């Protein structure tokens, strides 16, 4: 028969029903307790492991660290399920364990982004943005969309002598920054707008598709 005084491993706070985005420098916390029903026994060891040899280094703390255990989401893969096992050992060597599952999210897939027309006149031409055919897991809906542009500043008009031209650092900052065309995530995959005017600037249009967990493709 089983030992009625065997130690108990209990996860006290962790939501297995949601998906976690595999984002760098982000951790999921699993709160747990290790207890002994027998007052004459003490808990000697707690040890976390990841099942099936998945992802060495996934744990964000040493295996035997106190609650909460941290999972390094930056080391997970999209659309994966990780089984994490907590084993506890008491002072006479009896053990018990519990397992939790952590499910990761993936971005929407299989769609396209089109802007029409390809050329036009700033402040006059209406450009049509279309994010078409994107799909995701059924429980990841609804999808939302953002529309923005990135400036690509040319070197024309710059001066190596410091005579008021655009510096390399300024051009790099402008080329990487996104300027939103809508204030927030947008419910429609279709959007029409004019585009701004600026000297020596080409615009790169960027569309992003988000799922309900805010994982996105662009």
C-alpha atoms as a PDB file:
ATOM      1  CA  UNK A   1       0.000   0.000   0.000  1.00  0.00           C
ATOM      2  CA  UNK A   2       1.097   3.583  -0.508  1.00  0.00           C
ATOM      3  CA  UNK A   3       2.647   5.558   2.305  1.00  0.00           C
ATOM      4  CA  UNK A   4      -0.073   7.840   3.675  1.00  0.00           C
ATOM      5  CA  UNK A   5       2.660  10.054   5.080  1.00  0.00           C
ATOM      6  CA  UNK A   6       4.556  10.463   1.829  1.00  0.00           C
ATOM      7  CA  UNK A   7       5.581  14.053   1.033  1.00  0.00           C
ATOM      8  CA  UNK A   8       3.360  16.202  -1.122  1.00  0.00           C
ATOM      9  CA  UNK A   9       4.320  18.324  -4.116  1.00  0.00           C
ATOM     10  CA  UNK A  10       1.695  20.956  -4.909  1.00  0.00           C
ATOM     11  CA  UNK A  11       1.622  23.692  -7.548  1.00  0.00           C
ATOM     12  CA  UNK A  12      -0.255  26.540  -5.887  1.00  0.00           C
ATOM     13  CA  UNK A  13      -0.315  29.124  -8.672  1.00  0.00           C
ATOM     14  CA  UNK A  14       0.183  28.604 -12.402  1.00  0.00           C
ATOM     15  CA  UNK A  15      -2.345  28.876 -15.236  1.00  0.00           C
ATOM     16  CA  UNK A  16      -2.014  25.916 -17.612  1.00  0.00           C
ATOM     17  CA  UNK A  17      -4.954  27.112 -19.723  1.00  0.00           C
ATOM     18  CA  UNK A  18      -3.201  30.083 -21.321  1.00  0.00           C
ATOM     19  CA  UNK A  19      -0.417  30.269 -23.888  1.00  0.00           C
ATOM     20  CA  UNK A  20       2.896  31.982 -23.279  1.00  0.00           C
ATOM     21  CA  UNK A  21       4.790  33.923 -25.930  1.00  0.00           C
ATOM     22  CA  UNK A  22       8.422  32.785 -26.404  1.00  0.00           C
ATOM     23  CA  UNK A  23       9.791  36.257 -25.677  1.00  0.00           C
ATOM     24  CA  UNK A  24      13.413  36.985 -24.766  1.00  0.00           C
ATOM     25  CA  UNK A  25      14.116  38.220 -21.219  1.00  0.00           C
ATOM     26  CA  UNK A  26      10.639  37.137 -20.052  1.00  0.00           C
ATOM     27  CA  UNK A  27       9.868  34.496 -17.432  1.00  0.00           C
ATOM     28  CA  UNK A  28       6.801  32.517 -16.356  1.00  0.00           C
ATOM     29  CA  UNK A  29       6.533  31.889 -12.597  1.00  0.00           C
ATOM     30  CA  UNK A  30       5.326  28.584 -11.112  1.00  0.00           C
ATOM     31  CA  UNK A  31       4.491  28.838  -7.399  1.00  0.00           C
ATOM     32  CA  UNK A  32       4.648  25.608  -5.419  1.00  0.00           C
ATOM     33  CA  UNK A  33       4.748  24.004  -1.978  1.00  0.00           C
ATOM     34  CA  UNK A  34       6.511  20.918  -0.645  1.00  0.00           C
ATOM     35  CA  UNK A  35       4.986  19.576   2.577  1.00  0.00           C
ATOM     36  CA  UNK A  36       5.081  16.483   4.784  1.00  0.00           C
ATOM     37  CA  UNK A  37       1.951  15.157   6.551  1.00  0.00           C
ATOM     38  CA  UNK A  38       4.208  13.449   9.113  1.00  0.00           C
ATOM     39  CA  UNK A  39       5.536  15.923  11.713  1.00  0.00           C
ATOM     40  CA  UNK A  40       8.524  13.622  12.272  1.00  0.00           C
ATOM     41  CA  UNK A  41       9.656  13.962   8.658  1.00  0.00           C
ATOM     42  CA  UNK A  42      11.063  17.022   6.972  1.00  0.00           C
ATOM     43  CA  UNK A  43      11.350  17.973   3.316  1.00  0.00           C
ATOM     44  CA  UNK A  44      14.958  17.472   2.323  1.00  0.00           C
ATOM     45  CA  UNK A  45      14.896  18.268  -1.370  1.00  0.00           C
ATOM     46  CA  UNK A  46      12.812  19.763  -4.164  1.00  0.00           C
ATOM     47  CA  UNK A  47      13.888  19.271  -7.771  1.00  0.00           C
ATOM     48  CA  UNK A  48      12.380  20.559 -11.023  1.00  0.00           C
ATOM     49  CA  UNK A  49      13.030  18.946 -14.397  1.00  0.00           C
ATOM     50  CA  UNK A  50      11.763  19.339 -17.952  1.00  0.00           C
ATOM     51  CA  UNK A  51      10.287  16.207 -19.527  1.00  0.00           C
ATOM     52  CA  UNK A  52      11.528  14.383 -22.623  1.00  0.00           C
ATOM     53  CA  UNK A  53      14.917  16.076 -22.519  1.00  0.00           C
ATOM     54  CA  UNK A  54      13.442  19.334 -23.809  1.00  0.00           C
ATOM     55  CA  UNK A  55      15.452  22.549 -23.858  1.00  0.00           C
ATOM     56  CA  UNK A  56      18.420  22.479 -21.545  1.00  0.00           C
ATOM     57  CA  UNK A  57      18.570  25.754 -19.666  1.00  0.00           C
ATOM     58  CA  UNK A  58      14.808  26.262 -19.780  1.00  0.00           C
ATOM     59  CA  UNK A  59      14.637  26.696 -16.002  1.00  0.00           C
ATOM     60  CA  UNK A  60      15.448  30.237 -14.954  1.00  0.00           C
ATOM     61  CA  UNK A  61      16.646  29.190 -11.471  1.00  0.00           C
ATOM     62  CA  UNK A  62      18.567  26.199 -10.079  1.00  0.00           C
ATOM     63  CA  UNK A  63      16.444  23.041 -10.013  1.00  0.00           C
ATOM     64  CA  UNK A  64      16.221  23.008  -6.214  1.00  0.00           C
ATOM     65  CA  UNK A  65      15.520  26.723  -5.729  1.00  0.00           C
ATOM     66  CA  UNK A  66      12.594  27.803  -3.526  1.00  0.00           C
ATOM     67  CA  UNK A  67       9.233  28.893  -4.934  1.00  0.00           C
ATOM     68  CA  UNK A  68       8.556  30.279  -7.432  1.00  0.00           C
ATOM     69  CA  UNK A  69      10.339  28.349 -10.154  1.00  0.00           C
ATOM     70  CA  UNK A  70      10.950  30.487 -13.241  1.00  0.00           C
ATOM     71  CA  UNK A  71      10.737  29.316 -16.847  1.00  0.00           C
ATOM     72  CA  UNK A  72      12.847  31.256 -19.356  1.00  0.00           C
ATOM     73  CA  UNK A  73      10.341  31.890 -22.153  1.00  0.00           C
ATOM     74  CA  UNK A  74      13.102  33.197 -24.410  1.00  0.00           C
ATOM     75  CA  UNK A  75      14.464  29.630 -24.618  1.00  0.00           C
ATOM     76  CA  UNK A  76      11.159  28.045 -25.624  1.00  0.00           C
ATOM     77  CA  UNK A  77       9.940  27.331 -29.157  1.00  0.00           C
ATOM     78  CA  UNK A  78       6.673  28.613 -30.652  1.00  0.00           C
ATOM     79  CA  UNK A  79       3.692  26.238 -30.631  1.00  0.00           C
ATOM     80  CA  UNK A  80       5.223  23.743 -28.197  1.00  0.00           C
ATOM     81  CA  UNK A  81       4.108  22.038 -24.981  1.00  0.00           C
ATOM     82  CA  UNK A  82       6.623  21.622 -22.148  1.00  0.00           C
ATOM     83  CA  UNK A  83       5.992  19.235 -19.256  1.00  0.00           C
ATOM     84  CA  UNK A  84       7.688  20.384 -16.074  1.00  0.00           C
ATOM     85  CA  UNK A  85       7.994  17.951 -13.169  1.00  0.00           C
ATOM     86  CA  UNK A  86       8.457  18.819  -9.503  1.00  0.00           C
ATOM     87  CA  UNK A  87       9.780  15.995  -7.301  1.00  0.00           C
ATOM     88  CA  UNK A  88      10.034  16.311  -3.511  1.00  0.00           C
ATOM     89  CA  UNK A  89      11.969  14.056  -1.144  1.00  0.00           C
ATOM     90  CA  UNK A  90      11.541  13.803   2.622  1.00  0.00           C
ATOM     91  CA  UNK A  91      13.986  12.914   5.382  1.00  0.00           C
ATOM     92  CA  UNK A  92      13.513   9.118   5.066  1.00  0.00           C
ATOM     93  CA  UNK A  93      13.830   9.137   1.278  1.00  0.00           C
ATOM     94  CA  UNK A  94      10.138   8.965   0.316  1.00  0.00           C
ATOM     95  CA  UNK A  95       9.296  10.904  -2.830  1.00  0.00           C
ATOM     96  CA  UNK A  96       6.300  12.229  -4.697  1.00  0.00           C
ATOM     97  CA  UNK A  97       5.892  14.428  -7.737  1.00  0.00           C
ATOM     98  CA  UNK A  98       3.522  16.565  -9.757  1.00  0.00           C
ATOM     99  CA  UNK A  99       3.622  17.707 -13.385  1.00  0.00           C
ATOM    100  CA  UNK A 100       2.447  20.927 -15.034  1.00  0.00           C
ATOM    101  CA  UNK A 101       2.259  21.769 -18.728  1.00  0.00           C
ATOM    102  CA  UNK A 102       3.401  25.060 -20.224  1.00  0.00           C
ATOM    103  CA  UNK A 103       2.098  25.778 -23.733  1.00  0.00           C
ATOM    104  CA  UNK A 104       3.777  28.349 -25.956  1.00  0.00           C
ATOM    105  CA  UNK A 105       2.102  30.489 -28.558  1.00  0.00           C
ATOM    106  CA  UNK A 106       3.062  31.104 -32.167  1.00  0.00           C
ATOM    107  CA  UNK A 107       2.260  34.066 -34.416  1.00  0.00           C
ATOM    108  CA  UNK A 108      -0.347  34.037 -37.194  1.00  0.00           C
ATOM    109  CA  UNK A 109       0.872  32.419 -40.412  1.00  0.00           C
ATOM    110  CA  UNK A 110       0.324  31.934 -44.136  1.00  0.00           C
ATOM    111  CA  UNK A 111      -0.838  35.427 -45.045  1.00  0.00           C
ATOM    112  CA  UNK A 112       0.294  38.227 -47.332  1.00  0.00           C
ATOM    113  CA  UNK A 113       0.677  41.996 -47.107  1.00  0.00           C
ATOM    114  CA  UNK A 114       0.049  44.243 -50.101  1.00  0.00           C
ATOM    115  CA  UNK A 115       0.080  48.009 -50.631  1.00  0.00           C
ATOM    116  CA  UNK A 116      -1.551  49.493 -53.716  1.00  0.00           C
ATOM    117  CA  UNK A 117      -0.627  51.519 -55.688  1.00  0.00           C
ATOM    118  CA  UNK A 118       3.123  51.000 -55.452  1.00  0.00           C
ATOM    119  CA  UNK A 119       3.815  54.672 -56.231  1.00  0.00           C
ATOM    120  CA  UNK A 120       1.851  57.844 -55.670  1.00  0.00           C
ATOM    121  CA  UNK A 121       1.820  61.455 -54.552  1.00  0.00           C
ATOM    122  CA  UNK A 122       2.267  62.329 -50.883  1.00  0.00           C
ATOM    123  CA  UNK A 123      -0.811  63.769 -49.155  1.00  0.00           C
ATOM    124  CA  UNK A 124      -2.927  63.090 -52.260  1.00  0.00           C
ATOM    125  CA  UNK A 125      -2.829  59.448 -53.365  1.00  0.00           C
ATOM    126  CA  UNK A 126      -4.915  57.041 -51.301  1.00  0.00           C
ATOM    127  CA  UNK A 127      -2.911  53.902 -50.576  1.00  0.00           C
ATOM    128  CA  UNK A 128      -4.736  50.668 -49.833  1.00  0.00           C
ATOM    129  CA  UNK A 129      -3.214  48.300 -47.247  1.00  0.00           C
ATOM    130  CA  UNK A 130      -4.376  44.681 -47.211  1.00  0.00           C
ATOM    131  CA  UNK A 131      -3.275  41.946 -44.783  1.00  0.00           C
ATOM    132  CA  UNK A 132      -4.914  38.933 -46.371  1.00  0.00           C
ATOM    133  CA  UNK A 133      -5.202  35.223 -45.638  1.00  0.00           C
ATOM    134  CA  UNK A 134      -3.668  35.160 -42.139  1.00  0.00           C
ATOM    135  CA  UNK A 135      -4.687  32.294 -39.859  1.00  0.00           C
ATOM    136  CA  UNK A 136      -3.972  30.955 -36.384  1.00  0.00           C
ATOM    137  CA  UNK A 137      -5.158  28.343 -33.894  1.00  0.00           C
ATOM    138  CA  UNK A 138      -8.882  28.594 -33.252  1.00  0.00           C
ATOM    139  CA  UNK A 139      -8.386  29.696 -29.637  1.00  0.00           C
ATOM    140  CA  UNK A 140      -5.947  32.456 -30.684  1.00  0.00           C
ATOM    141  CA  UNK A 141      -8.616  34.592 -32.363  1.00  0.00           C
ATOM    142  CA  UNK A 142      -9.569  37.374 -32.842  1.00  0.00           C
ATOM    143  CA  UNK A 143      -6.762  38.733 -34.986  1.00  0.00           C
ATOM    144  CA  UNK A 144      -6.002  42.451 -34.974  1.00  0.00           C
ATOM    145  CA  UNK A 145      -3.816  44.559 -37.237  1.00  0.00           C
ATOM    146  CA  UNK A 146      -1.488  47.554 -37.177  1.00  0.00           C
ATOM    147  CA  UNK A 147      -0.290  49.696 -40.064  1.00  0.00           C
ATOM    148  CA  UNK A 148       2.814  51.863 -39.974  1.00  0.00           C
ATOM    149  CA  UNK A 149       5.698  53.095 -42.056  1.00  0.00           C
ATOM    150  CA  UNK A 150       9.459  53.377 -41.718  1.00  0.00           C
ATOM    151  CA  UNK A 151      11.417  56.233 -43.252  1.00  0.00           C
ATOM    152  CA  UNK A 152      14.473  55.448 -45.323  1.00  0.00           C
ATOM    153  CA  UNK A 153      16.479  58.652 -45.301  1.00  0.00           C
ATOM    154  CA  UNK A 154      18.938  59.111 -48.160  1.00  0.00           C
ATOM    155  CA  UNK A 155      22.378  60.693 -47.931  1.00  0.00           C
ATOM    156  CA  UNK A 156      21.499  63.445 -50.382  1.00  0.00           C
ATOM    157  CA  UNK A 157      21.984  66.836 -48.883  1.00  0.00           C
ATOM    158  CA  UNK A 158      24.379  65.592 -46.183  1.00  0.00           C
ATOM    159  CA  UNK A 159      27.651  67.366 -45.621  1.00  0.00           C
ATOM    160  CA  UNK A 160      30.871  65.703 -44.507  1.00  0.00           C
ATOM    161  CA  UNK A 161      32.098  69.029 -43.268  1.00  0.00           C
ATOM    162  CA  UNK A 162      29.306  69.339 -40.742  1.00  0.00           C
ATOM    163  CA  UNK A 163      27.409  71.917 -42.775  1.00  0.00           C
ATOM    164  CA  UNK A 164      23.903  70.932 -41.709  1.00  0.00           C
ATOM    165  CA  UNK A 165      23.582  67.551 -43.428  1.00  0.00           C
ATOM    166  CA  UNK A 166      21.952  64.421 -41.985  1.00  0.00           C
ATOM    167  CA  UNK A 167      24.384  62.428 -39.848  1.00  0.00           C
ATOM    168  CA  UNK A 168      24.757  58.643 -40.093  1.00  0.00           C
ATOM    169  CA  UNK A 169      23.375  58.223 -36.552  1.00  0.00           C
ATOM    170  CA  UNK A 170      20.321  60.337 -37.396  1.00  0.00           C
ATOM    171  CA  UNK A 171      19.714  58.386 -40.605  1.00  0.00           C
ATOM    172  CA  UNK A 172      20.021  55.051 -38.788  1.00  0.00           C
ATOM    173  CA  UNK A 173      17.557  56.134 -36.093  1.00  0.00           C
ATOM    174  CA  UNK A 174      15.067  57.382 -38.680  1.00  0.00           C
ATOM    175  CA  UNK A 175      15.440  54.238 -40.795  1.00  0.00           C
ATOM    176  CA  UNK A 176      14.645  51.929 -37.856  1.00  0.00           C
ATOM    177  CA  UNK A 177      11.762  53.833 -36.240  1.00  0.00           C
ATOM    178  CA  UNK A 178       8.167  52.894 -37.032  1.00  0.00           C
ATOM    179  CA  UNK A 179       5.517  55.617 -37.290  1.00  0.00           C
ATOM    180  CA  UNK A 180       1.974  54.289 -36.751  1.00  0.00           C
ATOM    181  CA  UNK A 181      -0.767  55.139 -39.223  1.00  0.00           C
ATOM    182  CA  UNK A 182      -3.486  54.119 -36.743  1.00  0.00           C
ATOM    183  CA  UNK A 183      -3.501  54.887 -33.030  1.00  0.00           C
ATOM    184  CA  UNK A 184      -4.107  51.323 -31.830  1.00  0.00           C
ATOM    185  CA  UNK A 185      -4.545  47.763 -33.023  1.00  0.00           C
ATOM    186  CA  UNK A 186      -7.136  47.785 -35.751  1.00  0.00           C
ATOM    187  CA  UNK A 187      -9.974  45.325 -36.227  1.00  0.00           C
ATOM    188  CA  UNK A 188      -9.862  45.348 -40.032  1.00  0.00           C
ATOM    189  CA  UNK A 189      -7.338  43.693 -42.344  1.00  0.00           C
ATOM    190  CA  UNK A 190      -8.021  46.458 -44.903  1.00  0.00           C
ATOM    191  CA  UNK A 191      -6.996  50.085 -44.461  1.00  0.00           C
ATOM    192  CA  UNK A 192      -6.839  53.162 -46.729  1.00  0.00           C
ATOM    193  CA  UNK A 193      -4.819  56.322 -46.076  1.00  0.00           C
ATOM    194  CA  UNK A 194      -2.624  58.978 -47.640  1.00  0.00           C
ATOM    195  CA  UNK A 195       1.077  59.092 -46.771  1.00  0.00           C
ATOM    196  CA  UNK A 196       3.168  62.055 -45.559  1.00  0.00           C
ATOM    197  CA  UNK A 197       5.598  64.202 -47.492  1.00  0.00           C
ATOM    198  CA  UNK A 198       9.269  64.700 -46.627  1.00  0.00           C
ATOM    199  CA  UNK A 199      12.474  65.584 -48.456  1.00  0.00           C
ATOM    200  CA  UNK A 200      14.874  62.808 -49.511  1.00  0.00           C
ATOM    201  CA  UNK A 201      12.740  60.103 -47.891  1.00  0.00           C
ATOM    202  CA  UNK A 202      11.405  56.782 -49.133  1.00  0.00           C
ATOM    203  CA  UNK A 203       8.737  55.052 -47.052  1.00  0.00           C
ATOM    204  CA  UNK A 204       8.647  51.349 -46.222  1.00  0.00           C
ATOM    205  CA  UNK A 205       5.147  50.266 -45.220  1.00  0.00           C
ATOM    206  CA  UNK A 206       4.833  47.696 -42.428  1.00  0.00           C
ATOM    207  CA  UNK A 207       1.770  45.621 -41.562  1.00  0.00           C
ATOM    208  CA  UNK A 208       1.544  43.473 -38.437  1.00  0.00           C
ATOM    209  CA  UNK A 209      -0.989  40.765 -37.562  1.00  0.00           C
ATOM    210  CA  UNK A 210      -1.558  40.034 -33.849  1.00  0.00           C
ATOM    211  CA  UNK A 211      -3.382  37.172 -32.160  1.00  0.00           C
ATOM    212  CA  UNK A 212      -5.202  37.476 -28.833  1.00  0.00           C
ATOM    213  CA  UNK A 213      -1.952  36.766 -26.945  1.00  0.00           C
ATOM    214  CA  UNK A 214      -0.215  39.617 -28.850  1.00  0.00           C
ATOM    215  CA  UNK A 215       2.162  37.371 -30.745  1.00  0.00           C
ATOM    216  CA  UNK A 216       2.566  38.926 -34.189  1.00  0.00           C
ATOM    217  CA  UNK A 217       3.855  38.408 -37.694  1.00  0.00           C
ATOM    218  CA  UNK A 218       4.872  41.206 -40.048  1.00  0.00           C
END
